[in-house]
Amino acid sequence: MPVASPYAARLAAIPVERKTLEMPTGPAAYWVYGDAAAPIALLMVHGYRGDHHGLEPVVAHLDGVRVISPDLPGFGETPPLRAAGKGAEGAAAEHTLDAYADWLTAFAAAVAPGAPILGHSFGSIVVAAAVAGGLETPRVILVNPIGAPALEGPRGILTRLAVFYYWAGARLPKALGDALLRNRVIVRVMSASMAKTRDKTLRAFIHDQHDRYFSLFGDRDVLHEGFVTSVSNDVRRFAPQIAQPTLLIAAEKDDITPIEAERHLQTLFPDAELVEIPGVGHLIHYETPQQAASAITRFLRPSGADTR
């Protein structure tokens, strides 16, 4: 039985509509939250293995903001990328960082032109690559940004084990590979390793979210390609090319990118602010969504003197 969300009441008060955009690489599923007349629209991009559900706790606290939140190709309800012009039955395209960035740029131009953009975790890399490559946006927000190579982080050894895990899942016979990649025990270990809260109710909600949505990937090849992309890139490469005002929301106890690396990442942007949230790790969107939303709202609504 699903675990009740601590944020359910707030989220239920926000109108939401599911939509589909037909793109040359296949259909894109996305959700629009909030009043169409809201003064601010924000495009949100989720992290690896997740889908739009993961960012809903943040959405629940963004009063007066209309949010557009797609499922990335190969995750949730958006199917894997297909070679442009090949249709639904066309050949699969490789899910590289360039492919994700190009997809996001096209999606943003069609659905949310000129909107500020937010990326969480793996989504921070995709957003950074897209903006550096020309995606038009006035402001950039990166939550739990991947600010250093994952293989060099405090859990570099575990990351190398994860590389083998996804490689094996892609190489084993299909039935075995799928069973390995969707194994609930392994998903629970991943979830438990990221959660820092000691609140039993909140931990139960986090684990339930991962149980429900972490295995909704298109196929094992997409999952493997996405993981290789996520551990082979980080935001540092693109930061100097992002001239837009940028907000980094980082976690004091993030096991993927240490807070010291996030502080260094800030210095690589021409114009970036860093907000540090204490006592939380890589799950800001689940554990401290109100704090994240507060920083986002302030950043999107500058004062008359354009201070943040």
C-alpha atoms as a PDB file:
ATOM      1  CA  MET A   1       0.000   0.000   0.000  1.00  0.00           C
ATOM      2  CA  PRO A   2       1.389   3.451  -0.926  1.00  0.00           C
ATOM      3  CA  VAL A   3       2.686   5.581   1.934  1.00  0.00           C
ATOM      4  CA  ALA A   4       0.887   8.900   2.373  1.00  0.00           C
ATOM      5  CA  SER A   5       2.913  11.908   1.314  1.00  0.00           C
ATOM      6  CA  PRO A   6       3.655  14.489   4.030  1.00  0.00           C
ATOM      7  CA  TYR A   7       3.049  17.055   1.279  1.00  0.00           C
ATOM      8  CA  ALA A   8      -0.210  15.597  -0.076  1.00  0.00           C
ATOM      9  CA  ALA A   9      -2.526  18.310   1.253  1.00  0.00           C
ATOM     10  CA  ARG A  10      -0.512  21.141  -0.281  1.00  0.00           C
ATOM     11  CA  LEU A  11      -0.106  19.314  -3.588  1.00  0.00           C
ATOM     12  CA  ALA A  12      -3.819  18.478  -3.767  1.00  0.00           C
ATOM     13  CA  ALA A  13      -4.614  22.194  -3.697  1.00  0.00           C
ATOM     14  CA  ILE A  14      -2.606  22.777  -6.890  1.00  0.00           C
ATOM     15  CA  PRO A  15      -4.293  22.122 -10.255  1.00  0.00           C
ATOM     16  CA  VAL A  16      -2.329  19.720 -12.462  1.00  0.00           C
ATOM     17  CA  GLU A  17      -2.733  18.611 -16.062  1.00  0.00           C
ATOM     18  CA  ARG A  18      -0.899  15.860 -17.947  1.00  0.00           C
ATOM     19  CA  LYS A  19       0.048  16.714 -21.510  1.00  0.00           C
ATOM     20  CA  THR A  20       1.945  15.164 -24.407  1.00  0.00           C
ATOM     21  CA  LEU A  21       4.207  16.898 -26.889  1.00  0.00           C
ATOM     22  CA  GLU A  22       4.933  15.137 -30.173  1.00  0.00           C
ATOM     23  CA  MET A  23       8.614  15.586 -30.956  1.00  0.00           C
ATOM     24  CA  PRO A  24      10.775  14.281 -33.833  1.00  0.00           C
ATOM     25  CA  THR A  25      12.372  11.818 -31.392  1.00  0.00           C
ATOM     26  CA  GLY A  26       9.029  10.585 -30.027  1.00  0.00           C
ATOM     27  CA  PRO A  27       6.317  11.792 -27.656  1.00  0.00           C
ATOM     28  CA  ALA A  28       7.197  13.636 -24.466  1.00  0.00           C
ATOM     29  CA  ALA A  29       4.949  13.331 -21.426  1.00  0.00           C
ATOM     30  CA  TYR A  30       4.830  16.347 -19.155  1.00  0.00           C
ATOM     31  CA  TRP A  31       2.780  17.830 -16.332  1.00  0.00           C
ATOM     32  CA  VAL A  32       1.706  21.414 -15.762  1.00  0.00           C
ATOM     33  CA  TYR A  33       1.077  22.473 -12.168  1.00  0.00           C
ATOM     34  CA  GLY A  34      -0.545  25.679 -11.020  1.00  0.00           C
ATOM     35  CA  ASP A  35      -2.633  28.496 -12.403  1.00  0.00           C
ATOM     36  CA  ALA A  36      -2.119  29.352 -16.064  1.00  0.00           C
ATOM     37  CA  ALA A  37      -2.269  33.012 -15.042  1.00  0.00           C
ATOM     38  CA  ALA A  38       0.607  32.676 -12.547  1.00  0.00           C
ATOM     39  CA  PRO A  39       3.179  35.448 -13.059  1.00  0.00           C
ATOM     40  CA  ILE A  40       6.092  33.005 -13.170  1.00  0.00           C
ATOM     41  CA  ALA A  41       6.536  29.752 -15.096  1.00  0.00           C
ATOM     42  CA  LEU A  42       9.349  27.353 -14.184  1.00  0.00           C
ATOM     43  CA  LEU A  43      10.593  24.372 -16.188  1.00  0.00           C
ATOM     44  CA  MET A  44      11.755  21.508 -13.912  1.00  0.00           C
ATOM     45  CA  VAL A  45      13.998  18.576 -14.892  1.00  0.00           C
ATOM     46  CA  HIS A  46      14.202  15.525 -12.631  1.00  0.00           C
ATOM     47  CA  GLY A  47      17.157  13.296 -11.802  1.00  0.00           C
ATOM     48  CA  TYR A  48      18.391   9.869 -12.858  1.00  0.00           C
ATOM     49  CA  ARG A  49      15.983   6.926 -12.505  1.00  0.00           C
ATOM     50  CA  GLY A  50      13.278   9.251 -11.286  1.00  0.00           C
ATOM     51  CA  ASP A  51      10.423  11.005 -13.052  1.00  0.00           C
ATOM     52  CA  HIS A  52       8.332  14.121 -12.489  1.00  0.00           C
ATOM     53  CA  HIS A  53       6.898  12.726  -9.231  1.00  0.00           C
ATOM     54  CA  GLY A  54      10.186  13.262  -7.416  1.00  0.00           C
ATOM     55  CA  LEU A  55      10.001  17.047  -7.633  1.00  0.00           C
ATOM     56  CA  GLU A  56       6.359  17.286  -6.552  1.00  0.00           C
ATOM     57  CA  PRO A  57       7.215  18.064  -2.896  1.00  0.00           C
ATOM     58  CA  VAL A  58       9.038  21.176  -4.124  1.00  0.00           C
ATOM     59  CA  VAL A  59       6.151  22.032  -6.457  1.00  0.00           C
ATOM     60  CA  ALA A  60       3.822  21.804  -3.454  1.00  0.00           C
ATOM     61  CA  HIS A  61       5.634  24.726  -1.800  1.00  0.00           C
ATOM     62  CA  LEU A  62       6.016  26.986  -4.851  1.00  0.00           C
ATOM     63  CA  ASP A  63       3.086  29.315  -4.296  1.00  0.00           C
ATOM     64  CA  GLY A  64       2.226  31.457  -7.292  1.00  0.00           C
ATOM     65  CA  VAL A  65       4.493  29.594  -9.712  1.00  0.00           C
ATOM     66  CA  ARG A  66       3.323  27.554 -12.705  1.00  0.00           C
ATOM     67  CA  VAL A  67       5.572  24.518 -13.093  1.00  0.00           C
ATOM     68  CA  ILE A  68       6.176  22.505 -16.278  1.00  0.00           C
ATOM     69  CA  SER A  69       7.732  19.140 -15.422  1.00  0.00           C
ATOM     70  CA  PRO A  70       8.506  16.524 -18.111  1.00  0.00           C
ATOM     71  CA  ASP A  71       9.608  12.938 -17.757  1.00  0.00           C
ATOM     72  CA  LEU A  72      13.013  12.661 -19.414  1.00  0.00           C
ATOM     73  CA  PRO A  73      13.277  10.264 -22.388  1.00  0.00           C
ATOM     74  CA  GLY A  74      13.346   6.665 -21.229  1.00  0.00           C
ATOM     75  CA  PHE A  75      11.951   7.405 -17.776  1.00  0.00           C
ATOM     76  CA  GLY A  76       8.426   7.576 -16.417  1.00  0.00           C
ATOM     77  CA  GLU A  77       5.928   7.994 -19.231  1.00  0.00           C
ATOM     78  CA  THR A  78       8.269   9.404 -21.880  1.00  0.00           C
ATOM     79  CA  PRO A  79       9.537   6.588 -24.110  1.00  0.00           C
ATOM     80  CA  PRO A  80      13.203   6.220 -25.072  1.00  0.00           C
ATOM     81  CA  LEU A  81      14.574   8.472 -27.776  1.00  0.00           C
ATOM     82  CA  ARG A  82      14.126   7.400 -31.371  1.00  0.00           C
ATOM     83  CA  ALA A  83      16.177   8.563 -34.316  1.00  0.00           C
ATOM     84  CA  ALA A  84      14.556  11.766 -35.590  1.00  0.00           C
ATOM     85  CA  GLY A  85      12.119  11.189 -38.436  1.00  0.00           C
ATOM     86  CA  LYS A  86      11.908   7.428 -37.857  1.00  0.00           C
ATOM     87  CA  GLY A  87       8.558   7.434 -36.031  1.00  0.00           C
ATOM     88  CA  ALA A  88       7.417   5.192 -33.205  1.00  0.00           C
ATOM     89  CA  GLU A  89       8.948   2.116 -34.792  1.00  0.00           C
ATOM     90  CA  GLY A  90      12.224   3.769 -35.713  1.00  0.00           C
ATOM     91  CA  ALA A  91      15.669   2.833 -34.502  1.00  0.00           C
ATOM     92  CA  ALA A  92      16.540   3.695 -30.924  1.00  0.00           C
ATOM     93  CA  ALA A  93      18.848   6.665 -30.431  1.00  0.00           C
ATOM     94  CA  GLU A  94      21.733   6.621 -27.977  1.00  0.00           C
ATOM     95  CA  HIS A  95      21.003   8.450 -24.727  1.00  0.00           C
ATOM     96  CA  THR A  96      24.092  10.631 -24.520  1.00  0.00           C
ATOM     97  CA  LEU A  97      24.367  13.973 -22.757  1.00  0.00           C
ATOM     98  CA  ASP A  98      24.182  15.767 -26.109  1.00  0.00           C
ATOM     99  CA  ALA A  99      21.006  13.850 -26.947  1.00  0.00           C
ATOM    100  CA  TYR A 100      19.374  14.776 -23.632  1.00  0.00           C
ATOM    101  CA  ALA A 101      20.462  18.422 -23.951  1.00  0.00           C
ATOM    102  CA  ASP A 102      19.160  18.678 -27.519  1.00  0.00           C
ATOM    103  CA  TRP A 103      15.875  17.088 -26.436  1.00  0.00           C
ATOM    104  CA  LEU A 104      15.497  19.522 -23.544  1.00  0.00           C
ATOM    105  CA  THR A 105      16.301  22.519 -25.741  1.00  0.00           C
ATOM    106  CA  ALA A 106      13.627  21.490 -28.249  1.00  0.00           C
ATOM    107  CA  PHE A 107      11.118  20.726 -25.492  1.00  0.00           C
ATOM    108  CA  ALA A 108      11.685  24.072 -23.767  1.00  0.00           C
ATOM    109  CA  ALA A 109      11.333  26.003 -27.038  1.00  0.00           C
ATOM    110  CA  ALA A 110       8.000  24.293 -27.737  1.00  0.00           C
ATOM    111  CA  VAL A 111       6.426  24.283 -24.265  1.00  0.00           C
ATOM    112  CA  ALA A 112       8.129  26.881 -22.059  1.00  0.00           C
ATOM    113  CA  PRO A 113      10.041  29.377 -24.208  1.00  0.00           C
ATOM    114  CA  GLY A 114      11.925  31.902 -22.129  1.00  0.00           C
ATOM    115  CA  ALA A 115      11.046  30.296 -18.783  1.00  0.00           C
ATOM    116  CA  PRO A 116      13.563  29.912 -15.956  1.00  0.00           C
ATOM    117  CA  ILE A 117      14.790  26.329 -15.711  1.00  0.00           C
ATOM    118  CA  LEU A 118      15.607  24.009 -12.799  1.00  0.00           C
ATOM    119  CA  GLY A 119      17.527  20.732 -12.835  1.00  0.00           C
ATOM    120  CA  HIS A 120      17.959  18.281  -9.979  1.00  0.00           C
ATOM    121  CA  SER A 121      20.975  15.934  -9.725  1.00  0.00           C
ATOM    122  CA  PHE A 122      21.406  14.310 -13.169  1.00  0.00           C
ATOM    123  CA  GLY A 123      18.949  16.927 -14.372  1.00  0.00           C
ATOM    124  CA  SER A 124      21.468  19.581 -13.301  1.00  0.00           C
ATOM    125  CA  ILE A 125      23.954  18.205 -15.834  1.00  0.00           C
ATOM    126  CA  VAL A 126      21.339  18.085 -18.599  1.00  0.00           C
ATOM    127  CA  VAL A 127      20.168  21.624 -17.837  1.00  0.00           C
ATOM    128  CA  ALA A 128      23.722  22.980 -17.652  1.00  0.00           C
ATOM    129  CA  ALA A 129      24.652  21.344 -20.959  1.00  0.00           C
ATOM    130  CA  ALA A 130      21.500  22.650 -22.644  1.00  0.00           C
ATOM    131  CA  VAL A 131      21.889  26.221 -21.362  1.00  0.00           C
ATOM    132  CA  ALA A 132      25.583  26.298 -22.259  1.00  0.00           C
ATOM    133  CA  GLY A 133      24.572  25.032 -25.695  1.00  0.00           C
ATOM    134  CA  GLY A 134      22.071  27.820 -26.297  1.00  0.00           C
ATOM    135  CA  LEU A 135      18.801  27.012 -24.514  1.00  0.00           C
ATOM    136  CA  GLU A 136      17.209  30.406 -23.917  1.00  0.00           C
ATOM    137  CA  THR A 137      16.351  31.070 -20.288  1.00  0.00           C
ATOM    138  CA  PRO A 138      16.695  34.102 -18.010  1.00  0.00           C
ATOM    139  CA  ARG A 139      17.675  32.187 -14.856  1.00  0.00           C
ATOM    140  CA  VAL A 140      19.062  28.794 -13.945  1.00  0.00           C
ATOM    141  CA  ILE A 141      18.462  26.789 -10.759  1.00  0.00           C
ATOM    142  CA  LEU A 142      20.442  23.645  -9.942  1.00  0.00           C
ATOM    143  CA  VAL A 143      19.389  21.526  -6.951  1.00  0.00           C
ATOM    144  CA  ASN A 144      21.901  18.977  -5.633  1.00  0.00           C
ATOM    145  CA  PRO A 145      24.059  19.834  -8.662  1.00  0.00           C
ATOM    146  CA  ILE A 146      26.608  17.271  -9.754  1.00  0.00           C
ATOM    147  CA  GLY A 147      29.567  19.546  -9.154  1.00  0.00           C
ATOM    148  CA  ALA A 148      32.372  16.986  -9.279  1.00  0.00           C
ATOM    149  CA  PRO A 149      32.992  13.593 -10.916  1.00  0.00           C
ATOM    150  CA  ALA A 150      30.860  10.972  -9.161  1.00  0.00           C
ATOM    151  CA  LEU A 151      33.756   8.521  -9.263  1.00  0.00           C
ATOM    152  CA  GLU A 152      35.805  10.936  -7.140  1.00  0.00           C
ATOM    153  CA  GLY A 153      33.134  11.640  -4.523  1.00  0.00           C
ATOM    154  CA  PRO A 154      33.077  10.383  -0.937  1.00  0.00           C
ATOM    155  CA  ARG A 155      31.383   7.215  -2.181  1.00  0.00           C
ATOM    156  CA  GLY A 156      33.577   6.677  -5.219  1.00  0.00           C
ATOM    157  CA  ILE A 157      33.956   2.964  -4.458  1.00  0.00           C
ATOM    158  CA  LEU A 158      30.183   2.523  -4.302  1.00  0.00           C
ATOM    159  CA  THR A 159      29.885   4.435  -7.570  1.00  0.00           C
ATOM    160  CA  ARG A 160      32.274   1.981  -9.200  1.00  0.00           C
ATOM    161  CA  LEU A 161      30.144  -0.870  -7.902  1.00  0.00           C
ATOM    162  CA  ALA A 162      27.128   0.869  -9.400  1.00  0.00           C
ATOM    163  CA  VAL A 163      28.930   1.088 -12.754  1.00  0.00           C
ATOM    164  CA  PHE A 164      29.367  -2.687 -12.666  1.00  0.00           C
ATOM    165  CA  TYR A 165      25.743  -3.155 -11.561  1.00  0.00           C
ATOM    166  CA  TYR A 166      24.334  -1.235 -14.528  1.00  0.00           C
ATOM    167  CA  TRP A 167      26.816  -2.824 -16.909  1.00  0.00           C
ATOM    168  CA  ALA A 168      25.801  -6.303 -15.733  1.00  0.00           C
ATOM    169  CA  GLY A 169      22.124  -5.425 -15.980  1.00  0.00           C
ATOM    170  CA  ALA A 170      22.629  -4.445 -19.610  1.00  0.00           C
ATOM    171  CA  ARG A 171      24.725  -7.513 -20.493  1.00  0.00           C
ATOM    172  CA  LEU A 172      22.913 -10.370 -18.757  1.00  0.00           C
ATOM    173  CA  PRO A 173      20.122 -12.231 -20.546  1.00  0.00           C
ATOM    174  CA  LYS A 174      17.116  -9.898 -20.681  1.00  0.00           C
ATOM    175  CA  ALA A 175      15.029 -11.575 -17.978  1.00  0.00           C
ATOM    176  CA  LEU A 176      17.958 -11.711 -15.560  1.00  0.00           C
ATOM    177  CA  GLY A 177      19.106  -8.203 -16.382  1.00  0.00           C
ATOM    178  CA  ASP A 178      15.669  -6.705 -15.870  1.00  0.00           C
ATOM    179  CA  ALA A 179      15.220  -8.586 -12.606  1.00  0.00           C
ATOM    180  CA  LEU A 180      18.572  -7.279 -11.343  1.00  0.00           C
ATOM    181  CA  LEU A 181      17.901  -3.666 -12.297  1.00  0.00           C
ATOM    182  CA  ARG A 182      14.388  -3.658 -10.837  1.00  0.00           C
ATOM    183  CA  ASN A 183      15.303  -5.636  -7.719  1.00  0.00           C
ATOM    184  CA  ARG A 184      13.417  -4.091  -4.785  1.00  0.00           C
ATOM    185  CA  VAL A 185      16.130  -4.938  -2.265  1.00  0.00           C
ATOM    186  CA  ILE A 186      18.767  -3.090  -4.289  1.00  0.00           C
ATOM    187  CA  VAL A 187      16.418  -0.148  -4.815  1.00  0.00           C
ATOM    188  CA  ARG A 188      15.822  -0.016  -1.069  1.00  0.00           C
ATOM    189  CA  VAL A 189      19.578  -0.033  -0.367  1.00  0.00           C
ATOM    190  CA  MET A 190      19.984   2.893  -2.773  1.00  0.00           C
ATOM    191  CA  SER A 191      17.154   4.740  -1.073  1.00  0.00           C
ATOM    192  CA  ALA A 192      18.438   4.101   2.445  1.00  0.00           C
ATOM    193  CA  SER A 193      21.941   5.232   1.521  1.00  0.00           C
ATOM    194  CA  MET A 194      20.692   8.619   0.297  1.00  0.00           C
ATOM    195  CA  ALA A 195      18.133   9.427   3.001  1.00  0.00           C
ATOM    196  CA  LYS A 196      19.531  11.381   5.958  1.00  0.00           C
ATOM    197  CA  THR A 197      16.369  12.190   7.884  1.00  0.00           C
ATOM    198  CA  ARG A 198      15.661  10.323  11.111  1.00  0.00           C
ATOM    199  CA  ASP A 199      11.926  10.953  10.795  1.00  0.00           C
ATOM    200  CA  LYS A 200      10.446   7.463  10.352  1.00  0.00           C
ATOM    201  CA  THR A 201       7.360   8.741   8.550  1.00  0.00           C
ATOM    202  CA  LEU A 202       9.414  10.747   6.072  1.00  0.00           C
ATOM    203  CA  ARG A 203      11.849   7.862   5.519  1.00  0.00           C
ATOM    204  CA  ALA A 204       8.924   5.535   4.813  1.00  0.00           C
ATOM    205  CA  PHE A 205       7.602   8.030   2.250  1.00  0.00           C
ATOM    206  CA  ILE A 206      11.012   8.328   0.562  1.00  0.00           C
ATOM    207  CA  HIS A 207      11.412   4.555   0.318  1.00  0.00           C
ATOM    208  CA  ASP A 208       7.884   4.224  -1.050  1.00  0.00           C
ATOM    209  CA  GLN A 209       8.591   6.846  -3.703  1.00  0.00           C
ATOM    210  CA  HIS A 210      11.699   4.998  -4.831  1.00  0.00           C
ATOM    211  CA  ASP A 211       9.872   1.658  -4.776  1.00  0.00           C
ATOM    212  CA  ARG A 212       7.121   3.087  -6.975  1.00  0.00           C
ATOM    213  CA  TYR A 213       9.084   5.174  -9.459  1.00  0.00           C
ATOM    214  CA  PHE A 214      12.735   4.084  -9.551  1.00  0.00           C
ATOM    215  CA  SER A 215      11.982   1.153 -11.848  1.00  0.00           C
ATOM    216  CA  LEU A 216       9.780   2.932 -14.383  1.00  0.00           C
ATOM    217  CA  PHE A 217      12.573   3.179 -16.934  1.00  0.00           C
ATOM    218  CA  GLY A 218      12.011   2.291 -20.574  1.00  0.00           C
ATOM    219  CA  ASP A 219      14.510  -0.542 -20.882  1.00  0.00           C
ATOM    220  CA  ARG A 220      17.841  -1.654 -19.518  1.00  0.00           C
ATOM    221  CA  ASP A 221      19.840  -0.117 -22.382  1.00  0.00           C
ATOM    222  CA  VAL A 222      18.411   3.323 -21.644  1.00  0.00           C
ATOM    223  CA  LEU A 223      19.161   2.863 -17.958  1.00  0.00           C
ATOM    224  CA  HIS A 224      22.764   1.873 -18.649  1.00  0.00           C
ATOM    225  CA  GLU A 225      23.322   4.676 -21.162  1.00  0.00           C
ATOM    226  CA  GLY A 226      21.815   7.195 -18.763  1.00  0.00           C
ATOM    227  CA  PHE A 227      24.035   6.037 -15.929  1.00  0.00           C
ATOM    228  CA  VAL A 228      27.179   6.210 -18.040  1.00  0.00           C
ATOM    229  CA  THR A 229      26.163   9.735 -19.034  1.00  0.00           C
ATOM    230  CA  SER A 230      25.537  10.707 -15.407  1.00  0.00           C
ATOM    231  CA  VAL A 231      28.914   9.533 -14.085  1.00  0.00           C
ATOM    232  CA  SER A 232      30.914  10.707 -17.104  1.00  0.00           C
ATOM    233  CA  ASN A 233      29.879  14.353 -16.858  1.00  0.00           C
ATOM    234  CA  ASP A 234      29.394  17.093 -14.288  1.00  0.00           C
ATOM    235  CA  VAL A 235      28.307  20.716 -14.184  1.00  0.00           C
ATOM    236  CA  ARG A 236      31.834  22.150 -13.893  1.00  0.00           C
ATOM    237  CA  ARG A 237      32.422  21.718 -17.627  1.00  0.00           C
ATOM    238  CA  PHE A 238      29.530  24.021 -18.501  1.00  0.00           C
ATOM    239  CA  ALA A 239      29.535  26.539 -15.660  1.00  0.00           C
ATOM    240  CA  PRO A 240      31.838  29.158 -17.273  1.00  0.00           C
ATOM    241  CA  GLN A 241      29.557  29.253 -20.334  1.00  0.00           C
ATOM    242  CA  ILE A 242      26.374  30.016 -18.362  1.00  0.00           C
ATOM    243  CA  ALA A 243      26.058  33.793 -18.144  1.00  0.00           C
ATOM    244  CA  GLN A 244      22.552  33.785 -16.681  1.00  0.00           C
ATOM    245  CA  PRO A 245      22.094  34.376 -12.946  1.00  0.00           C
ATOM    246  CA  THR A 246      22.307  30.922 -11.378  1.00  0.00           C
ATOM    247  CA  LEU A 247      21.113  29.543  -8.055  1.00  0.00           C
ATOM    248  CA  LEU A 248      22.827  26.479  -6.624  1.00  0.00           C
ATOM    249  CA  ILE A 249      20.950  24.677  -3.844  1.00  0.00           C
ATOM    250  CA  ALA A 250      23.350  22.235  -2.223  1.00  0.00           C
ATOM    251  CA  ALA A 251      23.230  19.827   0.711  1.00  0.00           C
ATOM    252  CA  GLU A 252      25.652  19.759   3.597  1.00  0.00           C
ATOM    253  CA  LYS A 253      25.689  15.937   3.702  1.00  0.00           C
ATOM    254  CA  ASP A 254      25.486  15.091  -0.003  1.00  0.00           C
ATOM    255  CA  ASP A 255      27.389  11.861  -0.617  1.00  0.00           C
ATOM    256  CA  ILE A 256      27.546  12.404  -4.380  1.00  0.00           C
ATOM    257  CA  THR A 257      29.023  15.905  -4.449  1.00  0.00           C
ATOM    258  CA  PRO A 258      30.688  17.098  -1.213  1.00  0.00           C
ATOM    259  CA  ILE A 259      29.709  20.561  -0.070  1.00  0.00           C
ATOM    260  CA  GLU A 260      33.311  21.739  -0.561  1.00  0.00           C
ATOM    261  CA  ALA A 261      33.015  20.845  -4.252  1.00  0.00           C
ATOM    262  CA  GLU A 262      29.728  22.738  -4.487  1.00  0.00           C
ATOM    263  CA  ARG A 263      31.421  25.823  -3.019  1.00  0.00           C
ATOM    264  CA  HIS A 264      34.109  25.554  -5.678  1.00  0.00           C
ATOM    265  CA  LEU A 265      31.465  25.032  -8.373  1.00  0.00           C
ATOM    266  CA  GLN A 266      29.913  28.375  -7.464  1.00  0.00           C
ATOM    267  CA  THR A 267      33.167  30.144  -8.329  1.00  0.00           C
ATOM    268  CA  LEU A 268      33.135  28.727 -11.865  1.00  0.00           C
ATOM    269  CA  PHE A 269      29.923  30.535 -12.841  1.00  0.00           C
ATOM    270  CA  PRO A 270      30.047  34.183 -13.914  1.00  0.00           C
ATOM    271  CA  ASP A 271      27.052  34.939 -11.671  1.00  0.00           C
ATOM    272  CA  ALA A 272      26.029  32.289  -9.150  1.00  0.00           C
ATOM    273  CA  GLU A 273      24.594  32.180  -5.642  1.00  0.00           C
ATOM    274  CA  LEU A 274      24.968  29.157  -3.375  1.00  0.00           C
ATOM    275  CA  VAL A 275      22.368  28.185  -0.788  1.00  0.00           C
ATOM    276  CA  GLU A 276      23.511  25.452   1.590  1.00  0.00           C
ATOM    277  CA  ILE A 277      20.915  23.352   3.398  1.00  0.00           C
ATOM    278  CA  PRO A 278      22.239  21.711   6.590  1.00  0.00           C
ATOM    279  CA  GLY A 279      21.475  18.204   7.789  1.00  0.00           C
ATOM    280  CA  VAL A 280      20.342  16.833   4.430  1.00  0.00           C
ATOM    281  CA  GLY A 281      21.958  14.817   1.642  1.00  0.00           C
ATOM    282  CA  HIS A 282      21.101  14.143  -1.987  1.00  0.00           C
ATOM    283  CA  LEU A 283      17.344  14.165  -1.365  1.00  0.00           C
ATOM    284  CA  ILE A 284      16.672  17.864  -0.815  1.00  0.00           C
ATOM    285  CA  HIS A 285      13.525  17.496  -2.917  1.00  0.00           C
ATOM    286  CA  TYR A 286      12.086  14.970  -0.459  1.00  0.00           C
ATOM    287  CA  GLU A 287      13.552  15.988   2.894  1.00  0.00           C
ATOM    288  CA  THR A 288      13.679  19.790   2.759  1.00  0.00           C
ATOM    289  CA  PRO A 289      11.416  20.870  -0.120  1.00  0.00           C
ATOM    290  CA  GLN A 290      10.102  23.894   1.748  1.00  0.00           C
ATOM    291  CA  GLN A 291      13.595  25.325   2.233  1.00  0.00           C
ATOM    292  CA  ALA A 292      14.401  24.681  -1.425  1.00  0.00           C
ATOM    293  CA  ALA A 293      11.144  26.269  -2.569  1.00  0.00           C
ATOM    294  CA  SER A 294      11.754  29.310  -0.408  1.00  0.00           C
ATOM    295  CA  ALA A 295      15.158  29.873  -2.009  1.00  0.00           C
ATOM    296  CA  ILE A 296      13.705  29.296  -5.487  1.00  0.00           C
ATOM    297  CA  THR A 297      10.835  31.717  -4.947  1.00  0.00           C
ATOM    298  CA  ARG A 298      13.158  34.414  -3.658  1.00  0.00           C
ATOM    299  CA  PHE A 299      15.519  33.900  -6.580  1.00  0.00           C
ATOM    300  CA  LEU A 300      12.733  34.114  -9.152  1.00  0.00           C
ATOM    301  CA  ARG A 301      11.242  37.233  -7.587  1.00  0.00           C
ATOM    302  CA  PRO A 302      14.124  39.690  -7.245  1.00  0.00           C
ATOM    303  CA  SER A 303      13.657  43.011  -5.561  1.00  0.00           C
ATOM    304  CA  GLY A 304      13.310  46.243  -7.418  1.00  0.00           C
ATOM    305  CA  ALA A 305      17.074  46.660  -7.178  1.00  0.00           C
ATOM    306  CA  ASP A 306      17.435  43.185  -8.746  1.00  0.00           C
ATOM    307  CA  THR A 307      19.037  41.756  -5.632  1.00  0.00           C
ATOM    308  CA  ARG A 308      18.493  38.149  -4.604  1.00  0.00           C
END
